[in-house]
């Protein structure tokens, strides 16, 4: 085996660097040029299937904690979603987001879903006068 001089090694090194540089330029050609490689990929979010969340969110009409409620809704099995959807209107009719009009306060949708409140027994609500049970002095 021959001993190579420093100049020979430097010359080989320059050629290798030049080849690597040219190879890199070829891979970076503009799209549409012959032999160009596509180096960028456009990432598009997957389309979300209609899972019924928009509908229950609209019916529930207590616009608090949407992201948590949506996350819970999407993790629920379809049979639970169907049961919740069937019961939500009755719950909304019995409650008020602000707890006014003699109705009880409406929980956040995420709480209602997490606690499986659609399985609760629905007690009949009756309208009572505002001073029911109060003694009035004259």
N, C-alpha and C. Protein backbone atom coordinates (compact mmCIF):
# COMPACT_ATOMS: atom_id res chain seq x y z
N UNK A 1 0.84 -1.17 0.00
CA UNK A 1 0.00 0.00 0.00
C UNK A 1 0.89 1.23 0.00
N UNK A 2 0.49 2.17 -0.83
CA UNK A 2 1.29 3.40 -0.97
C UNK A 2 0.92 4.40 0.09
N UNK A 3 1.86 5.15 0.45
CA UNK A 3 1.66 6.24 1.37
C UNK A 3 1.22 7.45 0.54
N UNK A 4 0.16 8.12 0.98
CA UNK A 4 -0.34 9.29 0.24
C UNK A 4 0.11 10.56 0.93
N UNK A 5 0.34 11.55 0.11
CA UNK A 5 0.77 12.83 0.66
C UNK A 5 -0.45 13.60 1.16
N UNK A 6 -0.19 14.55 1.96
CA UNK A 6 -1.24 15.40 2.51
C UNK A 6 -1.98 16.11 1.40
N UNK A 7 -1.25 16.53 0.37
CA UNK A 7 -1.87 17.23 -0.76
C UNK A 7 -2.84 16.31 -1.50
N UNK A 8 -2.47 15.04 -1.68
CA UNK A 8 -3.38 14.09 -2.34
C UNK A 8 -4.65 13.88 -1.53
N UNK A 9 -4.51 13.74 -0.24
CA UNK A 9 -5.68 13.56 0.64
C UNK A 9 -6.58 14.79 0.61
N UNK A 10 -5.98 15.97 0.63
CA UNK A 10 -6.77 17.19 0.58
C UNK A 10 -7.50 17.31 -0.75
N UNK A 11 -6.86 16.89 -1.83
CA UNK A 11 -7.47 16.92 -3.15
C UNK A 11 -8.69 15.99 -3.20
N UNK A 12 -8.53 14.77 -2.68
CA UNK A 12 -9.65 13.82 -2.63
C UNK A 12 -10.79 14.36 -1.78
N UNK A 13 -10.42 14.97 -0.67
CA UNK A 13 -11.44 15.54 0.22
C UNK A 13 -12.22 16.64 -0.49
N UNK A 14 -11.56 17.53 -1.23
CA UNK A 14 -12.24 18.59 -1.97
C UNK A 14 -13.19 18.01 -3.00
N UNK A 15 -12.76 16.94 -3.70
CA UNK A 15 -13.63 16.31 -4.70
C UNK A 15 -14.88 15.71 -4.04
N UNK A 16 -14.68 15.04 -2.90
CA UNK A 16 -15.83 14.46 -2.20
C UNK A 16 -16.80 15.54 -1.72
N UNK A 17 -16.27 16.63 -1.22
CA UNK A 17 -17.13 17.74 -0.78
C UNK A 17 -17.87 18.33 -1.96
N UNK A 18 -17.18 18.49 -3.09
CA UNK A 18 -17.81 19.03 -4.29
C UNK A 18 -18.92 18.09 -4.78
N UNK A 19 -18.69 16.80 -4.76
CA UNK A 19 -19.71 15.83 -5.19
C UNK A 19 -20.91 15.87 -4.24
N UNK A 20 -20.64 15.94 -2.96
CA UNK A 20 -21.73 16.01 -1.99
C UNK A 20 -22.55 17.30 -2.20
N UNK A 21 -21.86 18.39 -2.47
CA UNK A 21 -22.54 19.66 -2.71
C UNK A 21 -23.42 19.58 -3.95
N UNK A 22 -22.89 19.01 -5.03
CA UNK A 22 -23.66 18.88 -6.26
C UNK A 22 -24.85 17.95 -6.07
N UNK A 23 -24.65 16.87 -5.33
CA UNK A 23 -25.75 15.95 -5.05
C UNK A 23 -26.84 16.65 -4.26
N UNK A 24 -26.44 17.47 -3.30
CA UNK A 24 -27.42 18.23 -2.50
C UNK A 24 -28.18 19.22 -3.35
N UNK A 25 -27.54 19.88 -4.28
CA UNK A 25 -28.22 20.81 -5.18
C UNK A 25 -29.22 20.09 -6.05
N UNK A 26 -28.89 18.90 -6.51
CA UNK A 26 -29.79 18.15 -7.37
C UNK A 26 -31.06 17.78 -6.62
N UNK A 27 -30.94 17.43 -5.34
CA UNK A 27 -32.12 17.08 -4.56
C UNK A 27 -32.96 18.30 -4.21
N UNK A 28 -32.37 19.46 -4.27
CA UNK A 28 -33.09 20.67 -3.93
C UNK A 28 -33.65 21.41 -5.12
N UNK A 29 -33.72 20.76 -6.30
CA UNK A 29 -34.25 21.43 -7.49
C UNK A 29 -35.68 21.87 -7.26
N UNK A 30 -36.08 22.91 -7.95
CA UNK A 30 -37.45 23.38 -7.88
C UNK A 30 -38.38 22.32 -8.43
N UNK A 31 -39.58 22.22 -7.85
CA UNK A 31 -40.53 21.23 -8.35
C UNK A 31 -40.88 21.58 -9.79
N UNK A 32 -41.06 20.58 -10.58
CA UNK A 32 -41.34 20.77 -12.00
C UNK A 32 -40.11 20.49 -12.83
N UNK A 33 -38.91 20.63 -12.26
CA UNK A 33 -37.70 20.31 -13.00
C UNK A 33 -37.53 18.80 -13.04
N UNK A 34 -36.93 18.33 -14.07
CA UNK A 34 -36.74 16.90 -14.23
C UNK A 34 -35.76 16.40 -13.16
N UNK A 35 -36.11 15.29 -12.53
CA UNK A 35 -35.26 14.68 -11.52
C UNK A 35 -35.38 15.31 -10.15
N UNK A 36 -36.27 16.27 -10.00
CA UNK A 36 -36.41 16.92 -8.70
C UNK A 36 -37.16 16.00 -7.74
N UNK A 37 -36.80 16.06 -6.49
CA UNK A 37 -37.48 15.30 -5.46
C UNK A 37 -38.38 16.25 -4.69
N UNK A 38 -39.57 15.82 -4.37
CA UNK A 38 -40.48 16.63 -3.58
C UNK A 38 -40.01 16.57 -2.13
N UNK A 39 -39.65 17.71 -1.57
CA UNK A 39 -39.09 17.71 -0.22
C UNK A 39 -40.05 18.25 0.82
N UNK A 40 -41.16 18.84 0.40
CA UNK A 40 -42.12 19.36 1.37
C UNK A 40 -43.43 18.59 1.23
N UNK A 41 -44.09 18.44 2.35
CA UNK A 41 -45.36 17.75 2.37
C UNK A 41 -46.34 18.63 3.11
N UNK A 42 -47.50 18.83 2.55
CA UNK A 42 -48.51 19.64 3.18
C UNK A 42 -49.31 18.75 4.13
N UNK A 43 -49.33 19.13 5.40
CA UNK A 43 -50.08 18.37 6.38
C UNK A 43 -51.45 18.99 6.53
N UNK A 44 -52.45 18.22 6.27
CA UNK A 44 -53.83 18.69 6.41
C UNK A 44 -54.50 17.90 7.51
N UNK A 45 -55.26 18.58 8.35
CA UNK A 45 -55.95 17.84 9.40
C UNK A 45 -56.99 16.91 8.80
N UNK A 46 -57.16 15.79 9.45
CA UNK A 46 -58.17 14.84 8.98
C UNK A 46 -59.54 15.46 9.19
N UNK A 47 -60.44 15.28 8.24
CA UNK A 47 -61.78 15.83 8.44
C UNK A 47 -62.47 15.11 9.61
N UNK A 48 -63.10 15.89 10.46
CA UNK A 48 -63.78 15.32 11.61
C UNK A 48 -65.16 14.87 11.17
N UNK A 49 -65.47 13.63 11.48
CA UNK A 49 -66.79 13.13 11.13
C UNK A 49 -67.83 13.79 12.02
N UNK A 50 -69.04 13.86 11.54
CA UNK A 50 -70.11 14.45 12.33
C UNK A 50 -70.47 13.47 13.43
N UNK A 51 -70.01 13.77 14.63
CA UNK A 51 -70.23 12.87 15.76
C UNK A 51 -71.39 13.32 16.64
N UNK A 52 -72.07 14.39 16.25
CA UNK A 52 -73.23 14.86 16.99
C UNK A 52 -72.91 15.89 18.06
N UNK A 53 -71.63 16.21 18.24
CA UNK A 53 -71.30 17.16 19.30
C UNK A 53 -71.90 18.54 19.04
N UNK A 54 -71.83 19.00 17.83
CA UNK A 54 -72.37 20.34 17.52
C UNK A 54 -73.86 20.41 17.88
N UNK A 55 -74.56 19.33 17.65
CA UNK A 55 -76.00 19.31 17.96
C UNK A 55 -76.25 19.36 19.47
N UNK A 56 -75.53 18.53 20.23
CA UNK A 56 -75.77 18.53 21.68
C UNK A 56 -75.29 19.85 22.30
N UNK A 57 -74.23 20.42 21.75
CA UNK A 57 -73.73 21.71 22.25
C UNK A 57 -74.78 22.79 22.03
N UNK A 58 -75.43 22.75 20.89
CA UNK A 58 -76.48 23.74 20.58
C UNK A 58 -77.70 23.54 21.48
N UNK A 59 -78.12 22.30 21.66
CA UNK A 59 -79.30 22.02 22.49
C UNK A 59 -79.03 22.39 23.95
N UNK A 60 -77.86 22.04 24.44
CA UNK A 60 -77.52 22.24 25.85
C UNK A 60 -77.52 23.72 26.22
N UNK A 61 -77.05 24.56 25.32
CA UNK A 61 -77.12 26.02 25.45
C UNK A 61 -76.56 26.54 26.77
N UNK A 62 -75.43 26.00 27.18
CA UNK A 62 -74.69 26.53 28.33
C UNK A 62 -73.25 26.54 27.87
N UNK A 63 -72.85 27.62 27.23
CA UNK A 63 -71.60 27.69 26.48
C UNK A 63 -70.38 27.89 27.38
N UNK A 64 -70.05 26.85 28.13
CA UNK A 64 -68.90 26.86 29.04
C UNK A 64 -68.17 25.53 28.91
N UNK A 65 -66.85 25.57 28.81
CA UNK A 65 -66.05 24.34 28.79
C UNK A 65 -66.23 23.49 27.56
N UNK A 66 -66.29 24.12 26.40
CA UNK A 66 -66.55 23.39 25.17
C UNK A 66 -65.48 22.34 24.87
N UNK A 67 -64.22 22.70 25.03
CA UNK A 67 -63.15 21.76 24.68
C UNK A 67 -63.19 20.51 25.55
N UNK A 68 -63.42 20.67 26.84
CA UNK A 68 -63.51 19.51 27.73
C UNK A 68 -64.72 18.65 27.39
N UNK A 69 -65.83 19.30 27.11
CA UNK A 69 -67.04 18.55 26.77
C UNK A 69 -66.86 17.80 25.45
N UNK A 70 -66.24 18.45 24.50
CA UNK A 70 -66.02 17.82 23.20
C UNK A 70 -65.07 16.63 23.32
N UNK A 71 -64.04 16.78 24.13
CA UNK A 71 -63.09 15.68 24.34
C UNK A 71 -63.81 14.48 24.98
N UNK A 72 -64.63 14.75 25.99
CA UNK A 72 -65.37 13.68 26.65
C UNK A 72 -66.34 13.03 25.67
N UNK A 73 -67.06 13.84 24.90
CA UNK A 73 -68.06 13.34 23.94
C UNK A 73 -67.41 12.39 22.94
N UNK A 74 -66.26 12.76 22.44
CA UNK A 74 -65.60 11.94 21.42
C UNK A 74 -65.03 10.64 21.98
N UNK A 75 -64.81 10.58 23.27
CA UNK A 75 -64.31 9.36 23.89
C UNK A 75 -65.43 8.41 24.32
N UNK A 76 -66.65 8.92 24.32
CA UNK A 76 -67.79 8.10 24.76
C UNK A 76 -68.17 7.09 23.68
N UNK A 77 -68.62 5.90 24.10
CA UNK A 77 -69.13 4.94 23.12
C UNK A 77 -70.41 5.49 22.47
N UNK A 78 -70.69 5.04 21.30
CA UNK A 78 -71.84 5.55 20.54
C UNK A 78 -73.15 5.32 21.29
N UNK A 79 -73.30 4.19 21.98
CA UNK A 79 -74.55 3.93 22.70
C UNK A 79 -74.77 4.95 23.82
N UNK A 80 -73.67 5.37 24.49
CA UNK A 80 -73.79 6.40 25.52
C UNK A 80 -74.11 7.76 24.91
N UNK A 81 -73.52 8.06 23.77
CA UNK A 81 -73.84 9.32 23.08
C UNK A 81 -75.32 9.37 22.71
N UNK A 82 -75.82 8.25 22.19
CA UNK A 82 -77.24 8.20 21.81
C UNK A 82 -78.14 8.39 23.03
N UNK A 83 -77.80 7.74 24.14
CA UNK A 83 -78.60 7.87 25.36
C UNK A 83 -78.56 9.31 25.88
N UNK A 84 -77.39 9.92 25.85
CA UNK A 84 -77.25 11.30 26.30
C UNK A 84 -78.05 12.24 25.41
N UNK A 85 -77.98 12.01 24.11
CA UNK A 85 -78.71 12.86 23.17
C UNK A 85 -80.22 12.75 23.40
N UNK A 86 -80.68 11.55 23.73
CA UNK A 86 -82.11 11.35 23.96
C UNK A 86 -82.58 12.06 25.24
N UNK A 87 -81.71 12.20 26.23
CA UNK A 87 -82.11 12.76 27.51
C UNK A 87 -81.80 14.25 27.67
N UNK A 88 -80.99 14.80 26.81
CA UNK A 88 -80.52 16.17 27.01
C UNK A 88 -81.65 17.20 26.97
N UNK A 89 -82.61 17.03 26.10
CA UNK A 89 -83.70 18.01 25.96
C UNK A 89 -84.53 18.09 27.25
N UNK A 90 -84.80 16.94 27.86
CA UNK A 90 -85.57 16.93 29.12
C UNK A 90 -84.80 17.66 30.21
N UNK A 91 -83.49 17.43 30.27
CA UNK A 91 -82.67 18.08 31.29
C UNK A 91 -82.64 19.59 31.07
N UNK A 92 -82.48 20.00 29.84
CA UNK A 92 -82.42 21.43 29.52
C UNK A 92 -83.74 22.11 29.87
N UNK A 93 -84.86 21.43 29.63
CA UNK A 93 -86.16 22.01 29.95
C UNK A 93 -86.35 22.20 31.45
N UNK A 94 -85.71 21.37 32.26
CA UNK A 94 -85.86 21.45 33.72
C UNK A 94 -84.88 22.40 34.38
N UNK A 95 -83.87 22.85 33.65
CA UNK A 95 -82.81 23.64 34.27
C UNK A 95 -82.62 24.97 33.55
N UNK A 96 -81.84 25.82 34.19
CA UNK A 96 -81.52 27.13 33.62
C UNK A 96 -80.02 27.36 33.83
N UNK A 97 -79.31 27.84 32.81
CA UNK A 97 -77.87 28.06 32.98
C UNK A 97 -77.54 29.00 34.14
N UNK A 98 -78.43 29.94 34.42
CA UNK A 98 -78.18 30.93 35.48
C UNK A 98 -78.89 30.61 36.78
N UNK A 99 -79.69 29.54 36.80
CA UNK A 99 -80.41 29.18 38.01
C UNK A 99 -81.57 30.10 38.32
N UNK A 100 -82.09 30.77 37.32
CA UNK A 100 -83.20 31.71 37.51
C UNK A 100 -84.53 31.01 37.19
N UNK A 101 -85.59 31.75 37.26
CA UNK A 101 -86.93 31.29 36.90
C UNK A 101 -87.38 30.07 37.71
N UNK A 102 -86.88 29.94 38.94
CA UNK A 102 -87.31 28.84 39.79
C UNK A 102 -86.76 27.49 39.38
N UNK A 103 -85.91 27.47 38.36
CA UNK A 103 -85.32 26.21 37.92
C UNK A 103 -83.96 26.05 38.57
N UNK A 104 -83.53 24.83 38.68
CA UNK A 104 -82.21 24.62 39.26
C UNK A 104 -81.12 24.93 38.25
N UNK A 105 -79.93 25.14 38.76
CA UNK A 105 -78.77 25.50 37.95
C UNK A 105 -78.39 24.36 37.01
N UNK A 106 -77.97 24.69 35.79
CA UNK A 106 -77.55 23.70 34.81
C UNK A 106 -76.03 23.51 34.89
N UNK A 107 -75.61 22.29 35.07
CA UNK A 107 -74.18 21.96 35.15
C UNK A 107 -73.52 22.19 33.79
N UNK A 108 -72.20 22.31 33.80
CA UNK A 108 -71.48 22.37 32.52
C UNK A 108 -71.70 21.07 31.78
N UNK A 109 -71.68 21.13 30.47
CA UNK A 109 -71.91 19.93 29.67
C UNK A 109 -70.87 18.86 29.97
N UNK A 110 -69.62 19.26 30.17
CA UNK A 110 -68.58 18.26 30.47
C UNK A 110 -68.88 17.54 31.79
N UNK A 111 -69.38 18.26 32.77
CA UNK A 111 -69.76 17.64 34.04
C UNK A 111 -70.94 16.70 33.84
N UNK A 112 -71.91 17.15 33.09
CA UNK A 112 -73.10 16.33 32.82
C UNK A 112 -72.71 15.02 32.14
N UNK A 113 -71.77 15.10 31.21
CA UNK A 113 -71.31 13.90 30.51
C UNK A 113 -70.44 13.03 31.40
N UNK A 114 -69.49 13.63 32.12
CA UNK A 114 -68.60 12.87 32.98
C UNK A 114 -69.35 12.12 34.08
N UNK A 115 -70.40 12.73 34.60
CA UNK A 115 -71.16 12.12 35.69
C UNK A 115 -72.32 11.27 35.19
N UNK A 116 -72.40 11.10 33.89
CA UNK A 116 -73.45 10.28 33.27
C UNK A 116 -74.84 10.72 33.79
N UNK A 117 -75.05 12.02 33.81
CA UNK A 117 -76.28 12.57 34.38
C UNK A 117 -77.52 12.23 33.57
N UNK A 118 -77.36 11.80 32.34
CA UNK A 118 -78.52 11.40 31.56
C UNK A 118 -79.19 10.15 32.14
N UNK A 119 -78.48 9.46 33.04
CA UNK A 119 -79.04 8.27 33.68
C UNK A 119 -79.80 8.61 34.97
N UNK A 120 -79.73 9.88 35.40
CA UNK A 120 -80.44 10.28 36.61
C UNK A 120 -81.94 10.16 36.42
N UNK A 121 -82.62 9.89 37.54
CA UNK A 121 -84.08 9.90 37.49
C UNK A 121 -84.54 11.34 37.37
N UNK A 122 -85.53 11.53 36.55
CA UNK A 122 -86.04 12.88 36.34
C UNK A 122 -87.21 13.10 37.27
N UNK A 123 -87.03 14.00 38.22
CA UNK A 123 -88.10 14.33 39.16
C UNK A 123 -89.00 15.37 38.52
N UNK A 124 -90.28 15.22 38.72
CA UNK A 124 -91.21 16.18 38.16
C UNK A 124 -91.06 17.49 38.91
N UNK A 125 -90.95 18.55 38.16
CA UNK A 125 -90.83 19.87 38.79
C UNK A 125 -92.17 20.57 38.69
N UNK A 126 -92.51 21.21 39.78
CA UNK A 126 -93.76 21.97 39.78
C UNK A 126 -93.44 23.42 40.06
N UNK A 127 -94.23 24.26 39.52
CA UNK A 127 -94.04 25.68 39.71
C UNK A 127 -94.59 26.04 41.08
N UNK A 128 -93.80 26.76 41.90
CA UNK A 128 -94.23 27.17 43.23
C UNK A 128 -94.16 28.68 43.31
N UNK A 129 -95.00 29.27 44.12
CA UNK A 129 -94.93 30.72 44.29
C UNK A 129 -93.58 31.11 44.89
N UNK A 130 -93.17 32.33 44.65
CA UNK A 130 -91.88 32.81 45.11
C UNK A 130 -91.77 32.84 46.62
N UNK A 131 -92.89 33.05 47.34
CA UNK A 131 -92.83 33.14 48.81
C UNK A 131 -93.28 31.86 49.48
N UNK A 132 -93.25 30.74 48.78
CA UNK A 132 -93.67 29.47 49.33
C UNK A 132 -92.83 29.13 50.55
N UNK A 133 -93.50 28.92 51.67
CA UNK A 133 -92.82 28.54 52.91
C UNK A 133 -92.35 29.73 53.72
N UNK A 134 -92.56 30.93 53.24
CA UNK A 134 -92.13 32.11 53.99
C UNK A 134 -93.33 32.68 54.77
N UNK A 135 -93.03 33.16 55.94
CA UNK A 135 -94.07 33.78 56.75
C UNK A 135 -93.99 35.29 56.49
N UNK A 136 -95.10 35.84 56.17
CA UNK A 136 -95.13 37.29 55.93
C UNK A 136 -95.75 37.99 57.14
N UNK A 137 -95.14 39.03 57.57
CA UNK A 137 -95.66 39.82 58.69
C UNK A 137 -96.32 41.07 58.16
N UNK A 138 -97.42 41.38 58.75
CA UNK A 138 -98.13 42.58 58.30
C UNK A 138 -98.11 43.62 59.35
